[in-house]
Amino acid sequence: MAKKKAAPDKKGKGSKPEGSGKQAKPAAKSAKAQESESFNLVGFLNGTKEELGKVVWPSRQQLISESAAVILMVSLSATVIYLVDNLLGWASKQVFG
């Protein structure tokens, strides 16, 4: 099958298919636009306070129970690692002696 040629544009050249051309870069920002986008501490703190107001904080009971679960799991993991380390240390002494 033969490919269709793109229709010529006003300049007499073939037009490019969509998506094949490079997109133009945005124009450089003026000094005034850059100044308005600078960091605003008061606005940042107000936004932070607003977002923290949306947080659903856990109840005291939920905080205690989940903290206990984390401490328990960390303790169990540390104990298993300690025991495996001691077992492998003992085994290496038996082999290499």
N, C-alpha and C. Protein backbone atom coordinates (compact mmCIF):
# COMPACT_ATOMS: atom_id res chain seq x y z
N MET A 1 0.82 -1.19 0.00
CA MET A 1 0.00 0.00 0.00
C MET A 1 0.86 1.25 0.00
N ALA A 2 0.47 2.22 -0.74
CA ALA A 2 1.22 3.47 -0.81
C ALA A 2 0.79 4.38 0.32
N LYS A 3 1.76 5.10 0.87
CA LYS A 3 1.45 6.04 1.94
C LYS A 3 0.91 7.33 1.36
N LYS A 4 -0.04 7.93 2.06
CA LYS A 4 -0.57 9.22 1.62
C LYS A 4 0.38 10.31 2.03
N LYS A 5 0.54 11.28 1.16
CA LYS A 5 1.38 12.43 1.48
C LYS A 5 0.54 13.42 2.28
N ALA A 6 1.21 14.11 3.20
CA ALA A 6 0.51 15.11 4.00
C ALA A 6 0.16 16.29 3.10
N ALA A 7 -0.99 16.88 3.37
CA ALA A 7 -1.41 18.04 2.58
C ALA A 7 -0.47 19.20 2.84
N PRO A 8 -0.12 19.96 1.81
CA PRO A 8 0.79 21.09 2.01
C PRO A 8 0.13 22.18 2.85
N ASP A 9 0.95 22.83 3.67
CA ASP A 9 0.42 23.93 4.47
C ASP A 9 0.58 25.23 3.69
N LYS A 10 0.34 26.35 4.33
CA LYS A 10 0.37 27.64 3.65
C LYS A 10 1.74 27.99 3.08
N LYS A 11 2.79 27.44 3.65
CA LYS A 11 4.13 27.76 3.19
C LYS A 11 4.56 26.87 2.02
N GLY A 12 3.71 25.91 1.65
CA GLY A 12 4.03 25.06 0.52
C GLY A 12 4.77 23.80 0.92
N LYS A 13 5.06 23.62 2.19
CA LYS A 13 5.73 22.42 2.66
C LYS A 13 4.68 21.46 3.18
N GLY A 14 5.02 20.19 3.23
CA GLY A 14 4.09 19.20 3.77
C GLY A 14 3.93 19.40 5.27
N SER A 15 2.73 19.25 5.76
CA SER A 15 2.53 19.38 7.20
C SER A 15 2.95 18.10 7.89
N LYS A 16 3.35 18.20 9.13
CA LYS A 16 3.82 17.05 9.89
C LYS A 16 2.63 16.38 10.55
N PRO A 17 2.66 15.06 10.67
CA PRO A 17 1.59 14.38 11.41
C PRO A 17 1.60 14.81 12.87
N GLU A 18 0.44 14.66 13.51
CA GLU A 18 0.34 15.07 14.92
C GLU A 18 1.32 14.28 15.78
N GLY A 19 1.94 14.96 16.76
CA GLY A 19 2.82 14.31 17.70
C GLY A 19 4.24 14.13 17.19
N SER A 20 4.52 14.46 15.93
CA SER A 20 5.86 14.24 15.41
C SER A 20 6.75 15.45 15.62
N GLY A 21 6.19 16.61 15.81
CA GLY A 21 6.99 17.82 15.97
C GLY A 21 7.35 18.06 17.42
N LYS A 22 8.38 18.83 17.63
CA LYS A 22 8.76 19.19 18.99
C LYS A 22 7.83 20.28 19.50
N GLN A 23 7.52 20.19 20.77
CA GLN A 23 6.66 21.21 21.36
C GLN A 23 7.51 22.42 21.73
N ALA A 24 6.92 23.57 21.61
CA ALA A 24 7.64 24.80 21.93
C ALA A 24 7.87 24.89 23.42
N LYS A 25 9.03 25.40 23.80
CA LYS A 25 9.33 25.59 25.21
C LYS A 25 8.56 26.79 25.73
N PRO A 26 8.14 26.75 26.99
CA PRO A 26 7.44 27.91 27.53
C PRO A 26 8.39 29.10 27.60
N ALA A 27 7.83 30.27 27.43
CA ALA A 27 8.65 31.48 27.45
C ALA A 27 9.26 31.68 28.83
N ALA A 28 10.40 32.34 28.86
CA ALA A 28 11.08 32.60 30.13
C ALA A 28 10.18 33.46 31.01
N LYS A 29 10.18 33.17 32.29
CA LYS A 29 9.34 33.92 33.23
C LYS A 29 9.97 35.28 33.52
N SER A 30 9.13 36.25 33.66
CA SER A 30 9.63 37.57 33.99
C SER A 30 10.05 37.61 35.45
N ALA A 31 10.80 38.60 35.82
CA ALA A 31 11.28 38.73 37.20
C ALA A 31 10.11 38.86 38.16
N LYS A 32 9.06 39.56 37.72
CA LYS A 32 7.90 39.75 38.59
C LYS A 32 7.18 38.42 38.83
N ALA A 33 7.08 37.58 37.79
CA ALA A 33 6.42 36.29 37.95
C ALA A 33 7.23 35.38 38.86
N GLN A 34 8.56 35.42 38.74
CA GLN A 34 9.41 34.61 39.60
C GLN A 34 9.30 35.07 41.04
N GLU A 35 9.20 36.37 41.25
CA GLU A 35 9.10 36.91 42.60
C GLU A 35 7.81 36.47 43.27
N SER A 36 6.71 36.41 42.51
CA SER A 36 5.43 36.02 43.10
C SER A 36 5.39 34.53 43.43
N GLU A 37 6.26 33.71 42.79
CA GLU A 37 6.31 32.29 43.07
C GLU A 37 7.35 31.94 44.14
N SER A 38 7.98 32.92 44.73
CA SER A 38 9.00 32.63 45.74
C SER A 38 8.33 32.07 47.00
N PHE A 39 9.12 31.50 47.86
CA PHE A 39 8.62 30.84 49.06
C PHE A 39 7.98 31.85 50.00
N ASN A 40 6.78 31.54 50.46
CA ASN A 40 6.04 32.40 51.38
C ASN A 40 5.85 31.62 52.68
N LEU A 41 6.61 31.97 53.72
CA LEU A 41 6.58 31.22 54.98
C LEU A 41 5.21 31.27 55.64
N VAL A 42 4.59 32.42 55.67
CA VAL A 42 3.28 32.54 56.33
C VAL A 42 2.24 31.69 55.60
N GLY A 43 2.26 31.74 54.27
CA GLY A 43 1.32 30.93 53.49
C GLY A 43 1.57 29.45 53.69
N PHE A 44 2.85 29.08 53.76
CA PHE A 44 3.20 27.68 53.99
C PHE A 44 2.69 27.21 55.34
N LEU A 45 2.90 28.01 56.39
CA LEU A 45 2.46 27.63 57.74
C LEU A 45 0.93 27.57 57.82
N ASN A 46 0.25 28.49 57.16
CA ASN A 46 -1.22 28.45 57.15
C ASN A 46 -1.72 27.20 56.43
N GLY A 47 -1.09 26.86 55.32
CA GLY A 47 -1.47 25.66 54.59
C GLY A 47 -1.20 24.40 55.40
N THR A 48 -0.07 24.39 56.12
CA THR A 48 0.26 23.24 56.96
C THR A 48 -0.76 23.07 58.07
N LYS A 49 -1.14 24.17 58.71
CA LYS A 49 -2.13 24.13 59.79
C LYS A 49 -3.47 23.63 59.25
N GLU A 50 -3.84 24.07 58.05
CA GLU A 50 -5.10 23.65 57.44
C GLU A 50 -5.08 22.14 57.14
N GLU A 51 -3.97 21.64 56.61
CA GLU A 51 -3.87 20.22 56.29
C GLU A 51 -3.85 19.36 57.55
N LEU A 52 -3.19 19.82 58.60
CA LEU A 52 -3.16 19.07 59.85
C LEU A 52 -4.54 19.01 60.49
N GLY A 53 -5.37 20.00 60.22
CA GLY A 53 -6.74 19.98 60.72
C GLY A 53 -7.58 18.90 60.06
N LYS A 54 -7.18 18.44 58.86
CA LYS A 54 -7.91 17.41 58.14
C LYS A 54 -7.51 16.00 58.57
N VAL A 55 -6.42 15.89 59.33
CA VAL A 55 -5.92 14.58 59.72
C VAL A 55 -6.85 13.94 60.74
N VAL A 56 -7.12 12.65 60.55
CA VAL A 56 -7.91 11.90 61.53
C VAL A 56 -6.91 11.23 62.47
N TRP A 57 -6.79 11.76 63.67
CA TRP A 57 -5.81 11.26 64.63
C TRP A 57 -6.37 10.02 65.33
N PRO A 58 -5.50 9.05 65.65
CA PRO A 58 -5.98 7.83 66.32
C PRO A 58 -6.37 8.12 67.76
N SER A 59 -7.27 7.27 68.28
CA SER A 59 -7.66 7.41 69.69
C SER A 59 -6.49 6.95 70.56
N ARG A 60 -6.56 7.26 71.84
CA ARG A 60 -5.49 6.87 72.76
C ARG A 60 -5.36 5.35 72.82
N GLN A 61 -6.51 4.65 72.86
CA GLN A 61 -6.50 3.18 72.92
C GLN A 61 -5.89 2.59 71.65
N GLN A 62 -6.25 3.13 70.49
CA GLN A 62 -5.70 2.65 69.23
C GLN A 62 -4.20 2.91 69.16
N LEU A 63 -3.77 4.05 69.62
CA LEU A 63 -2.34 4.39 69.61
C LEU A 63 -1.55 3.42 70.48
N ILE A 64 -2.07 3.12 71.66
CA ILE A 64 -1.38 2.22 72.59
C ILE A 64 -1.33 0.80 72.02
N SER A 65 -2.45 0.31 71.49
CA SER A 65 -2.48 -1.07 70.98
C SER A 65 -1.59 -1.23 69.75
N GLU A 66 -1.58 -0.27 68.85
CA GLU A 66 -0.74 -0.38 67.66
C GLU A 66 0.74 -0.20 67.99
N SER A 67 1.04 0.64 68.96
CA SER A 67 2.43 0.80 69.40
C SER A 67 2.93 -0.49 70.05
N ALA A 68 2.08 -1.12 70.85
CA ALA A 68 2.45 -2.39 71.48
C ALA A 68 2.69 -3.46 70.42
N ALA A 69 1.85 -3.49 69.38
CA ALA A 69 2.03 -4.48 68.31
C ALA A 69 3.36 -4.25 67.58
N VAL A 70 3.72 -3.02 67.34
CA VAL A 70 4.99 -2.72 66.67
C VAL A 70 6.17 -3.13 67.54
N ILE A 71 6.10 -2.80 68.83
CA ILE A 71 7.19 -3.16 69.74
C ILE A 71 7.33 -4.68 69.84
N LEU A 72 6.21 -5.39 69.90
CA LEU A 72 6.23 -6.84 69.95
C LEU A 72 6.86 -7.44 68.69
N MET A 73 6.46 -6.96 67.52
CA MET A 73 6.99 -7.50 66.27
C MET A 73 8.48 -7.20 66.12
N VAL A 74 8.92 -6.03 66.52
CA VAL A 74 10.35 -5.69 66.45
C VAL A 74 11.14 -6.58 67.40
N SER A 75 10.60 -6.80 68.60
CA SER A 75 11.28 -7.68 69.58
C SER A 75 11.38 -9.11 69.07
N LEU A 76 10.29 -9.62 68.49
CA LEU A 76 10.32 -10.98 67.95
C LEU A 76 11.30 -11.09 66.78
N SER A 77 11.31 -10.11 65.91
CA SER A 77 12.25 -10.12 64.78
C SER A 77 13.69 -10.08 65.26
N ALA A 78 13.98 -9.23 66.23
CA ALA A 78 15.34 -9.13 66.77
C ALA A 78 15.76 -10.44 67.43
N THR A 79 14.83 -11.10 68.13
CA THR A 79 15.13 -12.37 68.78
C THR A 79 15.44 -13.45 67.75
N VAL A 80 14.64 -13.52 66.69
CA VAL A 80 14.88 -14.51 65.64
C VAL A 80 16.23 -14.27 64.96
N ILE A 81 16.54 -13.03 64.67
CA ILE A 81 17.83 -12.71 64.04
C ILE A 81 18.98 -13.09 64.97
N TYR A 82 18.84 -12.81 66.26
CA TYR A 82 19.87 -13.15 67.25
C TYR A 82 20.08 -14.67 67.29
N LEU A 83 18.98 -15.42 67.34
CA LEU A 83 19.09 -16.88 67.41
C LEU A 83 19.71 -17.47 66.13
N VAL A 84 19.30 -16.99 64.98
CA VAL A 84 19.87 -17.47 63.72
C VAL A 84 21.36 -17.12 63.65
N ASP A 85 21.72 -15.93 64.09
CA ASP A 85 23.13 -15.53 64.11
C ASP A 85 23.96 -16.44 65.00
N ASN A 86 23.43 -16.72 66.19
CA ASN A 86 24.16 -17.62 67.10
C ASN A 86 24.27 -19.04 66.52
N LEU A 87 23.20 -19.53 65.88
CA LEU A 87 23.22 -20.85 65.27
C LEU A 87 24.27 -20.92 64.16
N LEU A 88 24.28 -19.91 63.31
CA LEU A 88 25.25 -19.90 62.21
C LEU A 88 26.68 -19.71 62.74
N GLY A 89 26.84 -18.95 63.80
CA GLY A 89 28.16 -18.80 64.42
C GLY A 89 28.66 -20.11 65.00
N TRP A 90 27.76 -20.82 65.68
CA TRP A 90 28.12 -22.13 66.24
C TRP A 90 28.48 -23.11 65.11
N ALA A 91 27.67 -23.11 64.03
CA ALA A 91 27.92 -24.02 62.91
C ALA A 91 29.25 -23.71 62.23
N SER A 92 29.55 -22.44 62.08
CA SER A 92 30.83 -22.09 61.43
C SER A 92 32.02 -22.49 62.30
N LYS A 93 31.88 -22.43 63.63
CA LYS A 93 32.96 -22.88 64.52
C LYS A 93 33.15 -24.40 64.42
N GLN A 94 32.03 -25.13 64.24
CA GLN A 94 32.13 -26.58 64.11
C GLN A 94 32.84 -26.96 62.81
N VAL A 95 32.57 -26.20 61.74
CA VAL A 95 33.14 -26.52 60.44
C VAL A 95 34.59 -26.03 60.34
N PHE A 96 34.82 -24.77 60.72
CA PHE A 96 36.14 -24.16 60.53
C PHE A 96 37.00 -24.17 61.78
N GLY A 97 36.45 -24.56 62.86
CA GLY A 97 37.03 -24.70 64.06
C GLY A 97 37.92 -24.21 64.96
